[in-house]
C-alpha atoms as a PDB file:
ATOM      1  CA  MET A   1      -4.978  24.274  -2.276  1.00  0.00           C
ATOM      2  CA  PRO A   2      -2.124  24.042  -4.770  1.00  0.00           C
ATOM      3  CA  GLU A   3      -2.054  20.769  -6.686  1.00  0.00           C
ATOM      4  CA  GLU A   4       1.470  19.885  -5.569  1.00  0.00           C
ATOM      5  CA  LYS A   5       0.475  20.173  -1.905  1.00  0.00           C
ATOM      6  CA  LEU A   6      -2.700  18.161  -2.504  1.00  0.00           C
ATOM      7  CA  VAL A   7      -0.663  15.402  -4.149  1.00  0.00           C
ATOM      8  CA  GLU A   8       1.608  15.243  -1.094  1.00  0.00           C
ATOM      9  CA  VAL A   9      -1.347  15.158   1.323  1.00  0.00           C
ATOM     10  CA  LEU A  10      -3.212  12.481  -0.637  1.00  0.00           C
ATOM     11  CA  ALA A  11      -0.064  10.360  -1.017  1.00  0.00           C
ATOM     12  CA  ASP A  12       0.418  10.422   2.754  1.00  0.00           C
ATOM     13  CA  ILE A  13      -3.263   9.562   3.271  1.00  0.00           C
ATOM     14  CA  HIS A  14      -2.941   6.653   0.859  1.00  0.00           C
ATOM     15  CA  ILE A  15       0.060   5.309   2.789  1.00  0.00           C
ATOM     16  CA  ALA A  16      -1.738   5.775   6.119  1.00  0.00           C
ATOM     17  CA  GLU A  17      -4.792   3.900   4.823  1.00  0.00           C
ATOM     18  CA  ALA A  18      -2.552   1.033   3.722  1.00  0.00           C
ATOM     19  CA  ALA A  19      -0.989   0.912   7.195  1.00  0.00           C
ATOM     20  CA  LEU A  20      -4.456   0.795   8.775  1.00  0.00           C
ATOM     21  CA  GLN A  21      -5.609  -2.226   6.756  1.00  0.00           C
ATOM     22  CA  ALA A  22      -4.433  -4.769   9.324  1.00  0.00           C
ATOM     23  CA  LEU A  23      -6.173  -3.016  12.226  1.00  0.00           C
ATOM     24  CA  ARG A  24      -9.779  -3.472  13.361  1.00  0.00           C
ATOM     25  CA  GLY A  25     -12.359  -1.781  15.560  1.00  0.00           C
ATOM     26  CA  GLN A  26     -11.496   0.919  18.036  1.00  0.00           C
ATOM     27  CA  THR A  27      -7.761   0.529  17.484  1.00  0.00           C
ATOM     28  CA  LYS A  28      -8.217   1.255  13.789  1.00  0.00           C
ATOM     29  CA  ASP A  29     -10.449   4.250  14.530  1.00  0.00           C
ATOM     30  CA  SER A  30      -8.044   5.837  17.010  1.00  0.00           C
ATOM     31  CA  MET A  31      -4.984   5.178  14.839  1.00  0.00           C
ATOM     32  CA  SER A  32      -6.811   6.590  11.823  1.00  0.00           C
ATOM     33  CA  GLN A  33      -7.585   9.803  13.709  1.00  0.00           C
ATOM     34  CA  ALA A  34      -3.966  10.078  14.833  1.00  0.00           C
ATOM     35  CA  TYR A  35      -2.580   9.463  11.342  1.00  0.00           C
ATOM     36  CA  TYR A  36      -4.908  11.959   9.690  1.00  0.00           C
ATOM     37  CA  GLN A  37      -4.228  14.642  12.303  1.00  0.00           C
ATOM     38  CA  GLN A  38      -0.487  14.144  11.891  1.00  0.00           C
ATOM     39  CA  ILE A  39      -0.785  14.387   8.096  1.00  0.00           C
ATOM     40  CA  TYR A  40      -2.798  17.613   8.341  1.00  0.00           C
ATOM     41  CA  THR A  41      -0.297  19.073  10.812  1.00  0.00           C
ATOM     42  CA  ILE A  42       2.720  18.137   8.695  1.00  0.00           C
ATOM     43  CA  HIS A  43       1.222  19.773   5.608  1.00  0.00           C
ATOM     44  CA  GLY A  44      -0.349  22.754   7.377  1.00  0.00           C
ATOM     45  CA  VAL A  45      -3.899  21.942   6.236  1.00  0.00           C
ATOM     46  CA  ASP A  46      -7.117  20.790   7.864  1.00  0.00           C
ATOM     47  CA  SER A  47      -9.745  18.210   6.981  1.00  0.00           C
ATOM     48  CA  VAL A  48     -12.210  20.836   5.768  1.00  0.00           C
ATOM     49  CA  GLU A  49      -9.699  22.297   3.328  1.00  0.00           C
ATOM     50  CA  VAL A  50      -8.840  18.855   1.951  1.00  0.00           C
ATOM     51  CA  GLN A  51     -12.502  17.832   1.623  1.00  0.00           C
ATOM     52  CA  GLU A  52     -13.493  21.102  -0.068  1.00  0.00           C
ATOM     53  CA  THR A  53     -10.645  20.770  -2.548  1.00  0.00           C
ATOM     54  CA  LEU A  54     -11.618  17.171  -3.328  1.00  0.00           C
ATOM     55  CA  GLU A  55     -15.270  18.153  -3.781  1.00  0.00           C
ATOM     56  CA  THR A  56     -14.215  20.763  -6.323  1.00  0.00           C
ATOM     57  CA  MET A  57     -11.996  18.251  -8.100  1.00  0.00           C
ATOM     58  CA  ARG A  58     -14.825  15.675  -8.280  1.00  0.00           C
ATOM     59  CA  GLU A  59     -16.652  18.050 -10.596  1.00  0.00           C
ATOM     60  CA  LYS A  60     -13.742  17.692 -13.040  1.00  0.00           C
ATOM     61  CA  PRO A  61     -13.251  13.941 -13.638  1.00  0.00           C
ATOM     62  CA  ALA A  62     -10.358  14.314 -16.091  1.00  0.00           C
ATOM     63  CA  GLU A  63      -8.434  16.536 -13.677  1.00  0.00           C
ATOM     64  CA  MET A  64      -9.269  14.166 -10.815  1.00  0.00           C
ATOM     65  CA  LYS A  65      -7.808  11.229 -12.761  1.00  0.00           C
ATOM     66  CA  ASP A  66      -4.652  13.220 -13.508  1.00  0.00           C
ATOM     67  CA  LEU A  67      -4.418  14.139  -9.822  1.00  0.00           C
ATOM     68  CA  TYR A  68      -4.652  10.515  -8.704  1.00  0.00           C
ATOM     69  CA  ASP A  69      -2.114   9.463 -11.314  1.00  0.00           C
ATOM     70  CA  LYS A  70       0.275  11.967  -9.712  1.00  0.00           C
ATOM     71  CA  VAL A  71      -0.637  10.717  -6.239  1.00  0.00           C
ATOM     72  CA  MET A  72       0.126   7.119  -7.185  1.00  0.00           C
ATOM     73  CA  GLU A  73       3.408   8.196  -8.793  1.00  0.00           C
ATOM     74  CA  ARG A  74       4.338   9.982  -5.552  1.00  0.00           C
ATOM     75  CA  VAL A  75       3.396   6.916  -3.474  1.00  0.00           C
ATOM     76  CA  GLU A  76       5.635   4.765  -5.684  1.00  0.00           C
ATOM     77  CA  GLN A  77       8.493   7.245  -5.212  1.00  0.00           C
ATOM     78  CA  LEU A  78       8.056   7.188  -1.436  1.00  0.00           C
ATOM     79  CA  ASN A  79       7.906   3.394  -1.387  1.00  0.00           C
ATOM     80  CA  ALA A  80      11.064   3.132  -3.493  1.00  0.00           C
ATOM     81  CA  LYS A  81      12.843   5.567  -1.205  1.00  0.00           C
ATOM     82  CA  ALA A  82      11.742   3.600   1.872  1.00  0.00           C
ATOM     83  CA  LYS A  83      13.185   0.420   0.379  1.00  0.00           C
ATOM     84  CA  LYS A  84      16.591   2.060  -0.141  1.00  0.00           C
ATOM     85  CA  PRO A  85      17.687   3.419   3.259  1.00  0.00           C
ATOM     86  CA  GLU A  86      21.075   4.473   1.936  1.00  0.00           C
ATOM     87  CA  GLU A  87      19.333   7.077  -0.243  1.00  0.00           C
ATOM     88  CA  ARG A  88      17.451   8.731   2.635  1.00  0.00           C
ATOM     89  CA  ASP A  89      18.189  12.363   3.395  1.00  0.00           C
END
């Protein structure tokens, strides 16, 4: 999976996980499944592809750190955009 696409997928997963923090039990489980499926559909990937890519990246700690730095930068961009509705597309 291209790095740029992986960054987008992981940023969306990070945001979904943050949204799930307030939920508990079965509600959290079902919402988690729905969020993840929607993320995979939006990006045209599946869970196996994401997991295999992450497994490969785990073997390269320096690249993994760089990847997560990019993910966090993307999350910050999305959060800033969400706070400024007048700048939405």
